Protein backbone atom coordinates (compact mmCIF):
# COMPACT_ATOMS: atom_id res chain seq x y z
CA MET A 1 -126.36 -194.71 -87.07
CA PHE A 2 -128.98 -194.73 -89.84
CA ASP A 3 -126.62 -192.98 -92.27
CA ASP A 4 -123.81 -195.40 -91.44
CA LEU A 5 -126.04 -198.42 -92.01
CA LEU A 6 -127.35 -197.14 -95.34
CA ARG A 7 -123.82 -196.47 -96.58
CA GLU A 8 -122.73 -199.93 -95.44
CA THR A 9 -125.67 -201.88 -96.95
CA GLU A 10 -123.97 -202.84 -100.23
CA LYS A 11 -120.77 -203.75 -98.37
CA LYS A 12 -122.85 -205.85 -95.94
CA ALA A 13 -124.52 -207.64 -98.88
CA THR A 14 -121.07 -208.57 -100.25
CA VAL A 15 -119.92 -209.78 -96.79
CA LEU A 16 -123.09 -211.88 -96.43
CA ARG A 17 -122.52 -213.57 -99.79
CA GLU A 18 -118.94 -214.43 -98.77
CA GLN A 19 -120.12 -215.78 -95.38
CA MET A 20 -122.75 -217.93 -97.10
CA ARG A 21 -120.17 -219.36 -99.51
CA THR A 22 -117.95 -220.25 -96.52
CA GLU A 23 -120.90 -221.79 -94.65
CA ALA A 24 -121.99 -223.81 -97.69
CA SER A 25 -118.42 -225.10 -98.11
CA LYS A 26 -118.26 -226.12 -94.43
CA ASN A 27 -121.63 -227.88 -94.64
CA SER A 28 -120.59 -229.86 -97.72
CA GLN A 29 -117.32 -230.89 -96.01
CA VAL A 30 -119.24 -232.05 -92.92
CA THR A 31 -121.61 -234.07 -95.14
CA GLN A 32 -118.69 -235.68 -97.00
CA THR A 33 -116.91 -236.51 -93.71
CA LYS A 34 -120.05 -238.15 -92.34
CA ASN A 35 -120.45 -240.20 -95.51
CA THR A 36 -116.80 -241.35 -95.58
CA THR A 37 -116.14 -241.93 -91.89
CA GLY A 38 -119.60 -242.64 -90.46
CA VAL A 39 -120.55 -246.14 -89.37
CA ARG A 40 -122.93 -248.13 -91.59
CA THR A 41 -123.35 -245.41 -94.22
CA ARG A 42 -123.73 -247.86 -97.06
CA GLY A 43 -126.75 -250.11 -97.01
CA ARG A 44 -127.82 -248.94 -93.55
CA LYS A 45 -131.50 -248.74 -92.70
CA PRO A 46 -132.89 -245.18 -92.74
CA THR A 47 -133.41 -243.72 -89.28
CA LYS A 48 -136.24 -241.49 -88.11
CA ASN A 49 -133.99 -238.46 -88.64
CA ASP A 50 -133.62 -239.32 -92.34
CA VAL A 51 -137.32 -239.59 -93.15
CA VAL A 52 -138.92 -236.85 -91.07
CA ASP A 53 -141.01 -234.55 -93.28
CA LEU A 54 -141.69 -231.67 -90.91
CA ARG A 55 -144.10 -229.91 -93.25
CA THR A 56 -146.37 -232.98 -93.54
CA ILE A 57 -146.27 -233.58 -89.77
CA LEU A 58 -147.19 -229.93 -89.17
CA ILE A 59 -150.23 -230.26 -91.47
CA HIS A 60 -151.32 -233.51 -89.74
CA CYS A 61 -150.90 -231.78 -86.38
CA ALA A 62 -153.00 -228.81 -87.54
CA GLN A 63 -155.74 -231.25 -88.64
CA ALA A 64 -155.68 -232.89 -85.21
CA VAL A 65 -155.84 -229.46 -83.50
CA ALA A 66 -158.78 -228.44 -85.74
CA ALA A 67 -160.63 -231.67 -84.82
CA ASP A 68 -159.77 -231.15 -81.11
CA ASP A 69 -158.03 -234.53 -81.13
CA ARG A 70 -155.71 -233.57 -78.28
CA ARG A 71 -153.99 -236.91 -77.90
CA THR A 72 -152.88 -237.07 -81.56
CA ALA A 73 -152.03 -233.34 -81.60
CA ASN A 74 -149.80 -233.66 -78.51
CA GLU A 75 -148.04 -236.74 -79.91
CA LEU A 76 -147.33 -234.94 -83.17
CA LEU A 77 -146.20 -231.78 -81.35
CA LYS A 78 -143.78 -233.90 -79.34
CA GLN A 79 -142.42 -235.36 -82.59
CA ILE A 80 -142.07 -231.89 -84.19
CA LYS A 81 -140.21 -230.56 -81.15
CA GLN A 82 -137.73 -233.46 -81.32
CA HIS A 83 -136.78 -232.53 -84.88
CA SER A 84 -137.07 -228.72 -84.83
CA LYS A 85 -134.55 -226.20 -83.51
CA VAL A 86 -134.63 -222.45 -83.01
CA ASN A 87 -131.05 -222.31 -84.38
CA GLY A 88 -131.24 -225.19 -86.88
CA ASP A 89 -131.71 -225.02 -90.65
CA GLY A 90 -134.55 -223.07 -92.28
CA SER A 91 -137.13 -225.88 -92.14
CA GLN A 92 -136.28 -226.70 -88.49
CA ARG A 93 -136.66 -223.04 -87.49
CA LEU A 94 -139.96 -222.80 -89.37
CA ALA A 95 -141.24 -225.96 -87.64
CA PHE A 96 -140.20 -224.62 -84.21
CA CYS A 97 -142.10 -221.39 -84.89
CA PHE A 98 -145.27 -223.10 -86.23
CA ALA A 99 -145.27 -225.66 -83.39
CA GLN A 100 -145.46 -222.76 -80.92
CA GLY A 101 -148.52 -221.44 -82.75
CA LEU A 102 -150.24 -224.85 -82.76
CA GLU A 103 -149.47 -225.34 -79.07
CA ALA A 104 -150.97 -221.92 -78.26
CA ARG A 105 -154.10 -222.68 -80.32
CA LEU A 106 -154.53 -226.03 -78.57
CA ALA A 107 -154.19 -224.35 -75.15
CA GLY A 108 -156.46 -221.42 -76.14
CA THR A 109 -153.77 -218.89 -75.17
CA GLY A 110 -153.00 -217.46 -78.63
CA SER A 111 -154.47 -213.97 -78.06
CA GLN A 112 -152.72 -213.51 -74.69
CA GLN A 113 -149.38 -214.67 -76.11
CA TYR A 114 -149.71 -212.40 -79.14
CA ARG A 115 -150.55 -209.36 -76.99
CA ARG A 116 -147.53 -210.13 -74.82
CA LEU A 117 -145.28 -210.24 -77.91
CA VAL A 118 -146.72 -206.97 -79.24
CA ALA A 119 -146.15 -205.26 -75.87
CA LYS A 120 -142.52 -206.39 -75.83
CA ARG A 121 -140.36 -203.38 -76.64
CA THR A 122 -137.74 -203.81 -79.34
CA THR A 123 -135.36 -200.84 -79.23
CA ALA A 124 -135.05 -198.63 -82.30
CA SER A 125 -131.33 -199.47 -82.55
CA ASP A 126 -131.98 -203.26 -82.46
CA MET A 127 -134.71 -202.87 -85.07
CA LEU A 128 -132.36 -200.76 -87.19
CA LYS A 129 -129.67 -203.47 -87.08
CA ALA A 130 -132.21 -206.14 -88.09
CA TYR A 131 -133.48 -203.81 -90.82
CA HIS A 132 -129.88 -203.39 -92.05
CA LEU A 133 -129.51 -207.16 -92.30
CA TYR A 134 -132.84 -207.41 -94.14
CA LEU A 135 -131.75 -204.72 -96.65
CA ALA A 136 -128.48 -206.55 -97.29
CA ALA A 137 -129.98 -210.06 -97.54
CA CYS A 138 -133.22 -209.33 -99.37
CA PRO A 139 -134.34 -206.67 -101.89
CA PHE A 140 -138.01 -206.41 -100.85
CA LYS A 141 -137.85 -203.38 -98.52
CA ARG A 142 -135.12 -201.62 -100.44
CA LEU A 143 -136.94 -202.04 -103.75
CA SER A 144 -140.25 -200.85 -102.27
CA HIS A 145 -138.68 -197.76 -100.69
CA PHE A 146 -136.75 -196.99 -103.88
CA LEU A 147 -139.87 -197.24 -106.05
CA SER A 148 -141.95 -195.23 -103.56
CA ASN A 149 -139.37 -192.48 -103.00
CA GLN A 150 -138.55 -192.13 -106.73
CA THR A 151 -142.29 -191.84 -107.46
CA ILE A 152 -142.64 -189.11 -104.81
CA LEU A 153 -139.61 -187.20 -106.18
CA SER A 154 -140.99 -187.29 -109.73
CA MET A 155 -144.45 -186.14 -108.53
CA THR A 156 -143.05 -183.20 -106.49
CA LYS A 157 -140.35 -181.77 -108.79
CA ASN A 158 -141.75 -178.22 -108.68
CA ALA A 159 -143.77 -178.37 -105.45
CA SER A 160 -143.06 -175.82 -102.72
CA LYS A 161 -145.01 -177.83 -100.14
CA VAL A 162 -145.09 -181.63 -99.93
CA HIS A 163 -147.36 -183.51 -97.52
CA ILE A 164 -146.78 -187.25 -97.08
CA ILE A 165 -149.46 -189.21 -95.20
CA ASP A 166 -147.87 -192.49 -94.13
CA PHE A 167 -150.26 -195.19 -92.95
CA GLY A 168 -148.10 -197.52 -90.83
CA ILE A 169 -145.04 -195.31 -90.29
CA TYR A 170 -143.58 -197.60 -87.56
CA PHE A 171 -139.93 -196.42 -87.10
CA GLY A 172 -140.05 -194.22 -90.22
CA LEU A 173 -137.06 -195.97 -91.81
CA GLN A 174 -138.24 -195.14 -95.33
CA TRP A 175 -137.98 -191.36 -95.00
CA PRO A 176 -134.34 -190.35 -94.22
CA CYS A 177 -133.33 -191.17 -97.82
CA LEU A 178 -136.14 -188.99 -99.20
CA ILE A 179 -135.34 -186.17 -96.74
CA ARG A 180 -131.74 -186.15 -97.97
CA ARG A 181 -132.81 -186.11 -101.63
CA LEU A 182 -135.38 -183.32 -101.13
CA ALA A 183 -132.84 -181.21 -99.19
CA LYS A 184 -130.49 -181.34 -102.20
CA ARG A 185 -133.22 -180.71 -104.79
CA GLU A 186 -132.27 -178.46 -107.70
CA GLY A 187 -133.92 -175.08 -107.17
CA GLY A 188 -134.05 -175.48 -103.39
CA PRO A 189 -135.91 -177.76 -100.99
CA PRO A 190 -139.67 -177.73 -100.42
CA THR A 191 -141.35 -177.66 -97.02
CA LEU A 192 -141.99 -181.28 -96.08
CA ARG A 193 -144.86 -182.32 -93.83
CA ILE A 194 -145.23 -185.93 -92.74
CA THR A 195 -148.35 -187.22 -91.04
CA GLY A 196 -147.21 -190.42 -89.34
CA ILE A 197 -150.07 -192.81 -88.62
CA ASP A 198 -149.89 -196.02 -86.63
CA VAL A 199 -151.96 -198.05 -84.23
CA PRO A 200 -151.72 -197.10 -80.53
CA GLU A 201 -148.99 -198.79 -78.51
CA PRO A 202 -150.27 -200.98 -75.64
CA GLY A 203 -149.86 -199.50 -72.15
CA PHE A 204 -150.07 -195.99 -70.74
CA ARG A 205 -148.30 -194.18 -73.59
CA PRO A 206 -150.15 -195.12 -76.81
CA THR A 207 -148.53 -192.37 -78.94
CA GLU A 208 -144.95 -192.87 -77.72
CA ARG A 209 -143.42 -194.68 -80.70
CA VAL A 210 -145.12 -192.64 -83.43
CA GLU A 211 -144.04 -189.41 -81.67
CA GLU A 212 -140.45 -190.66 -81.17
CA THR A 213 -140.33 -191.45 -84.89
CA GLY A 214 -141.32 -187.84 -85.63
CA GLN A 215 -138.64 -186.47 -83.31
CA ARG A 216 -135.93 -188.56 -85.01
CA LEU A 217 -137.09 -187.48 -88.49
CA ALA A 218 -137.24 -183.81 -87.41
CA GLU A 219 -133.63 -184.00 -86.15
CA TYR A 220 -132.58 -185.64 -89.42
CA ALA A 221 -134.32 -182.96 -91.52
CA LYS A 222 -132.68 -180.21 -89.41
CA LYS A 223 -129.26 -181.76 -90.10
CA PHE A 224 -129.86 -181.31 -93.85
CA GLY A 225 -131.59 -177.92 -93.58
CA LEU A 226 -134.97 -179.15 -94.84
CA PRO A 227 -138.04 -177.25 -93.53
CA PHE A 228 -140.01 -179.99 -91.77
CA GLU A 229 -143.29 -180.45 -89.89
CA TYR A 230 -144.67 -183.64 -88.37
CA GLN A 231 -148.06 -184.73 -87.12
CA ALA A 232 -148.39 -187.95 -85.10
CA ILE A 233 -151.66 -189.92 -85.14
CA ALA A 234 -151.92 -193.08 -83.01
CA SER A 235 -155.42 -194.38 -83.59
CA LYS A 236 -157.42 -197.17 -85.21
CA TRP A 237 -157.12 -196.28 -88.87
CA GLU A 238 -160.82 -196.69 -89.67
CA THR A 239 -161.69 -193.98 -87.08
CA ILE A 240 -159.52 -191.36 -88.85
CA CYS A 241 -161.41 -188.95 -91.11
CA ALA A 242 -160.08 -186.69 -93.86
CA ASP A 243 -160.27 -183.58 -91.61
CA ASP A 244 -157.90 -185.21 -89.07
CA LEU A 245 -155.17 -185.22 -91.72
CA LYS A 246 -155.20 -181.38 -92.00
CA VAL A 247 -154.43 -181.19 -95.71
CA GLY A 248 -153.47 -177.69 -96.95
CA LYS A 249 -154.83 -176.31 -100.22
CA ASP A 250 -151.43 -175.60 -101.76
CA GLU A 251 -149.79 -178.94 -100.77
CA VAL A 252 -148.90 -181.81 -103.08
CA VAL A 253 -150.35 -184.72 -101.10
CA ILE A 254 -148.88 -188.22 -101.27
CA VAL A 255 -150.46 -191.17 -99.44
CA ASN A 256 -148.08 -194.04 -98.71
CA CYS A 257 -148.95 -197.41 -97.23
CA LEU A 258 -146.42 -200.23 -97.52
CA TYR A 259 -147.55 -203.67 -96.36
CA ARG A 260 -149.76 -202.65 -93.43
CA PHE A 261 -153.27 -202.86 -94.93
CA ARG A 262 -153.03 -206.58 -94.14
CA ASN A 263 -153.55 -205.70 -90.45
CA LEU A 264 -157.00 -204.18 -91.03
CA ILE A 265 -160.07 -206.32 -90.35
CA ASP A 266 -161.90 -207.52 -93.46
CA GLU A 267 -165.54 -208.36 -94.32
CA THR A 268 -165.43 -211.76 -92.62
CA VAL A 269 -165.39 -209.94 -89.24
CA ALA A 270 -167.08 -206.58 -89.91
CA VAL A 271 -169.64 -205.89 -92.66
CA ASP A 272 -168.53 -202.23 -92.85
CA SER A 273 -164.93 -203.27 -93.52
CA PRO A 274 -162.16 -201.05 -92.06
CA ARG A 275 -160.22 -201.71 -95.28
CA ASN A 276 -162.91 -200.01 -97.37
CA ARG A 277 -163.37 -197.21 -94.83
CA VAL A 278 -159.66 -196.33 -94.91
CA LEU A 279 -159.61 -196.45 -98.73
CA ASN A 280 -162.61 -194.08 -98.77
CA THR A 281 -160.78 -191.67 -96.43
CA ILE A 282 -157.73 -191.74 -98.73
CA ARG A 283 -159.95 -191.01 -101.75
CA GLN A 284 -161.56 -188.04 -99.93
CA VAL A 285 -158.08 -186.59 -99.29
CA ASN A 286 -157.65 -186.61 -103.10
CA PRO A 287 -153.88 -187.28 -103.18
CA ALA A 288 -151.68 -186.69 -106.21
CA ILE A 289 -150.68 -190.36 -105.84
CA PHE A 290 -151.47 -193.28 -103.52
CA ILE A 291 -148.54 -195.71 -103.25
CA HIS A 292 -149.84 -199.10 -102.15
CA GLY A 293 -147.58 -202.02 -101.21
CA ILE A 294 -149.19 -205.28 -100.12
CA VAL A 295 -148.15 -208.62 -98.65
CA ASN A 296 -149.33 -211.12 -101.25
CA GLY A 297 -150.93 -213.98 -99.33
CA SER A 298 -154.00 -216.22 -99.22
CA TYR A 299 -153.86 -217.03 -95.51
CA SER A 300 -156.63 -214.67 -94.43
CA VAL A 301 -159.45 -217.18 -94.98
CA PRO A 302 -161.66 -218.16 -92.02
CA PHE A 303 -161.15 -221.94 -92.54
CA PHE A 304 -158.28 -222.94 -90.27
CA ILE A 305 -156.72 -225.83 -92.25
CA THR A 306 -156.73 -223.89 -95.55
CA ARG A 307 -155.27 -220.88 -93.75
CA PHE A 308 -152.61 -222.99 -92.03
CA ARG A 309 -151.47 -224.57 -95.33
CA GLU A 310 -151.23 -221.19 -97.08
CA ALA A 311 -149.34 -219.65 -94.14
CA LEU A 312 -146.97 -222.64 -94.15
CA PHE A 313 -146.17 -222.10 -97.86
CA HIS A 314 -145.72 -218.34 -97.36
CA TYR A 315 -143.43 -218.54 -94.32
CA SER A 316 -141.54 -221.53 -95.78
CA ALA A 317 -140.43 -219.16 -98.56
CA LEU A 318 -139.32 -216.49 -96.04
CA PHE A 319 -137.39 -218.93 -93.81
CA ASP A 320 -135.84 -220.56 -96.91
CA MET A 321 -134.81 -217.13 -98.19
CA LEU A 322 -132.97 -216.34 -94.92
CA GLU A 323 -131.43 -219.83 -94.90
CA ALA A 324 -129.96 -219.17 -98.37
CA THR A 325 -128.73 -215.63 -97.65
CA VAL A 326 -127.83 -215.27 -93.94
CA PRO A 327 -125.56 -217.42 -91.69
CA ARG A 328 -127.46 -219.48 -89.08
CA ASP A 329 -125.71 -217.95 -86.07
CA ASP A 330 -126.56 -214.33 -86.98
CA ASP A 331 -128.27 -212.54 -84.04
CA GLN A 332 -130.30 -210.22 -86.28
CA ARG A 333 -131.60 -213.20 -88.25
CA ARG A 334 -132.84 -214.71 -84.99
CA LEU A 335 -134.48 -211.40 -84.04
CA MET A 336 -136.34 -211.26 -87.37
CA GLU A 337 -137.47 -214.88 -87.18
CA ARG A 338 -138.63 -214.51 -83.57
CA ASP A 339 -139.98 -210.95 -83.32
CA LEU A 340 -141.33 -210.49 -86.85
CA PHE A 341 -142.06 -213.74 -88.68
CA GLY A 342 -142.71 -215.74 -85.49
CA ARG A 343 -145.10 -213.16 -84.06
CA GLU A 344 -147.03 -212.91 -87.32
CA ALA A 345 -147.28 -216.70 -87.69
CA LEU A 346 -148.53 -217.07 -84.10
CA ASN A 347 -151.31 -214.57 -84.87
CA VAL A 348 -152.34 -216.42 -88.05
CA ILE A 349 -152.35 -219.85 -86.37
CA ALA A 350 -153.56 -219.19 -82.81
CA CYS A 351 -155.89 -216.14 -83.00
CA GLU A 352 -159.43 -215.72 -84.32
CA GLY A 353 -162.00 -212.94 -84.84
CA SER A 354 -160.82 -209.37 -84.28
CA ASP A 355 -157.68 -210.70 -82.50
CA ARG A 356 -156.42 -212.10 -85.81
CA VAL A 357 -154.79 -209.09 -87.45
CA GLU A 358 -152.61 -210.86 -90.03
CA ARG A 359 -155.06 -210.98 -92.97
CA PRO A 360 -153.21 -210.49 -96.28
CA GLU A 361 -154.95 -210.65 -99.65
CA THR A 362 -153.46 -211.25 -103.09
CA TYR A 363 -152.60 -208.33 -105.35
CA LYS A 364 -155.45 -209.39 -107.66
CA GLN A 365 -157.93 -209.08 -104.77
CA TRP A 366 -156.52 -205.64 -103.92
CA GLN A 367 -156.83 -204.64 -107.58
CA VAL A 368 -160.59 -205.25 -107.40
CA ARG A 369 -160.92 -203.60 -103.96
CA ASN A 370 -159.04 -200.43 -105.01
CA LEU A 371 -161.03 -200.05 -108.23
CA ARG A 372 -164.29 -200.54 -106.31
CA ALA A 373 -163.20 -197.85 -103.80
CA GLY A 374 -162.94 -195.28 -106.61
CA PHE A 375 -159.26 -195.39 -107.61
CA VAL A 376 -157.70 -195.73 -111.02
CA GLN A 377 -154.32 -197.37 -111.44
CA SER A 378 -151.31 -195.31 -112.57
CA PRO A 379 -148.74 -197.07 -114.75
CA LEU A 380 -145.41 -197.81 -113.09
CA ASN A 381 -142.50 -195.64 -114.25
CA GLN A 382 -140.51 -198.06 -116.43
CA ASP A 383 -137.19 -196.23 -115.89
CA ILE A 384 -137.57 -196.70 -112.13
CA VAL A 385 -138.61 -200.35 -112.60
CA LEU A 386 -135.56 -201.09 -114.82
CA LYS A 387 -133.18 -199.47 -112.32
CA ALA A 388 -134.76 -201.53 -109.52
CA LYS A 389 -134.41 -204.78 -111.50
CA ASP A 390 -130.77 -204.05 -112.32
CA LYS A 391 -130.01 -203.36 -108.65
CA VAL A 392 -131.53 -206.71 -107.62
CA LYS A 393 -129.64 -208.57 -110.35
CA ASP A 394 -126.31 -207.00 -109.34
CA LEU A 395 -126.60 -207.30 -105.56
CA TYR A 396 -128.90 -210.14 -104.55
CA HIS A 397 -129.32 -213.93 -104.72
CA LYS A 398 -130.31 -215.36 -108.10
CA ASP A 399 -133.53 -216.91 -106.72
CA PHE A 400 -135.22 -213.57 -106.02
CA VAL A 401 -138.05 -212.89 -108.47
CA ILE A 402 -138.88 -209.40 -109.80
CA ASP A 403 -141.74 -209.27 -112.29
CA GLU A 404 -144.73 -207.18 -113.40
CA ASP A 405 -148.39 -208.03 -113.79
CA SER A 406 -151.51 -205.86 -114.17
CA GLY A 407 -149.62 -202.69 -113.18
CA TRP A 408 -148.08 -204.25 -110.03
CA LEU A 409 -144.37 -204.76 -109.42
CA LEU A 410 -144.11 -208.27 -107.98
CA GLN A 411 -141.34 -209.43 -105.65
CA GLY A 412 -140.83 -213.02 -104.61
CA TRP A 413 -138.58 -215.96 -103.86
CA LYS A 414 -138.26 -219.10 -106.02
CA GLY A 415 -141.53 -218.46 -107.84
CA ARG A 416 -143.67 -217.54 -104.80
CA ILE A 417 -144.81 -213.89 -104.86
CA ILE A 418 -144.28 -212.34 -101.42
CA HIS A 419 -144.93 -208.62 -102.03
CA ALA A 420 -146.52 -206.42 -104.69
CA ILE A 421 -146.56 -202.64 -105.11
CA SER A 422 -148.53 -200.30 -107.37
CA THR A 423 -149.59 -196.64 -107.65
CA TRP A 424 -153.12 -195.22 -107.77
CA LYS A 425 -155.04 -191.97 -108.19
CA PRO A 426 -158.61 -191.10 -107.18
CA ASN A 427 -160.96 -191.56 -110.12
CA ASN A 428 -162.51 -188.09 -110.01
CA LYS A 429 -164.60 -188.76 -113.11
């Protein structure tokens, strides 16, 4: 199924563009019909529907929630619910999602609701279909995996043993492409070891998903005749030490972490920050390269209103991006908005302390943190960057932004930077 989806991604991107053109044409026809046949179109008084600014109402509602003004908050929530829809346009879907977070914060049930959402099992096949849609609609994941995998291939050209330590392996969707490329390597394939690290799953089988990921990757490697070993670690990342990673002396070691450092607690909760502890562990492993992708956001601050505004800007860009690239009735779009974006937004809005795990920092903050932890930045391979930019230009919507700054490859939508990726080495001097 994975192979089929990867082969079909470019075709799917073309189909999506055609569907969006059809949908845009329908929407403009509906608007024209309303204007030409509707009653009192000219000179009519504006109705509530015409003047509702959902973003402003959401901010006013957040201010009321922060002040514990329950009467005002409930009135505003009622107003938001009247004008938001789970299957409406991008801004209506965003408002629906953020209203749920505000309601949970007001009721004090944010942590319980978030834990319930985390415990909900999304099947690997459903996640793969949503991932396929995301690859076709948006370049972020594809670009990150391309840059990461090309970097690994260039670092391991002559290696007989390659050891990838993946912090936040999840379903391991990055690695089949690399497995296929390594299996066909000129001069023969290396032995590939992957140490898949993720947080424990809730319930009685904490290692289930990370082990299942390893089994799927092992079957895939066997199909291509690549010697493969896998180690599963389901643990809080800050409790993992260098010895747990079982690094061999003759291995080329790569550490990969794409977009999951945001889930580690920062200094506002723990003085001995898990972020710094994990970075120190990575430095002790002394990898040939550390590939670090981050979610670029300022909504990790402890002050609720500031955090809410920043989260609103960030998720507005994501919902707007899907609105411009994916039809409204697409099931996988709904899954992403509900199970990924919605769950994250609920955590940002309704959880506090150690329960709030969505804590992104900007790439400039990570630049300082990585340097302080004893890393030195490696320049991005410009050939890889140019290929990545060309791919985005050829396949994706014109409003996607691909840029570079301070050694980071930046990815965004309509001027807002959503992700950044860079490569690092331990500063052994």
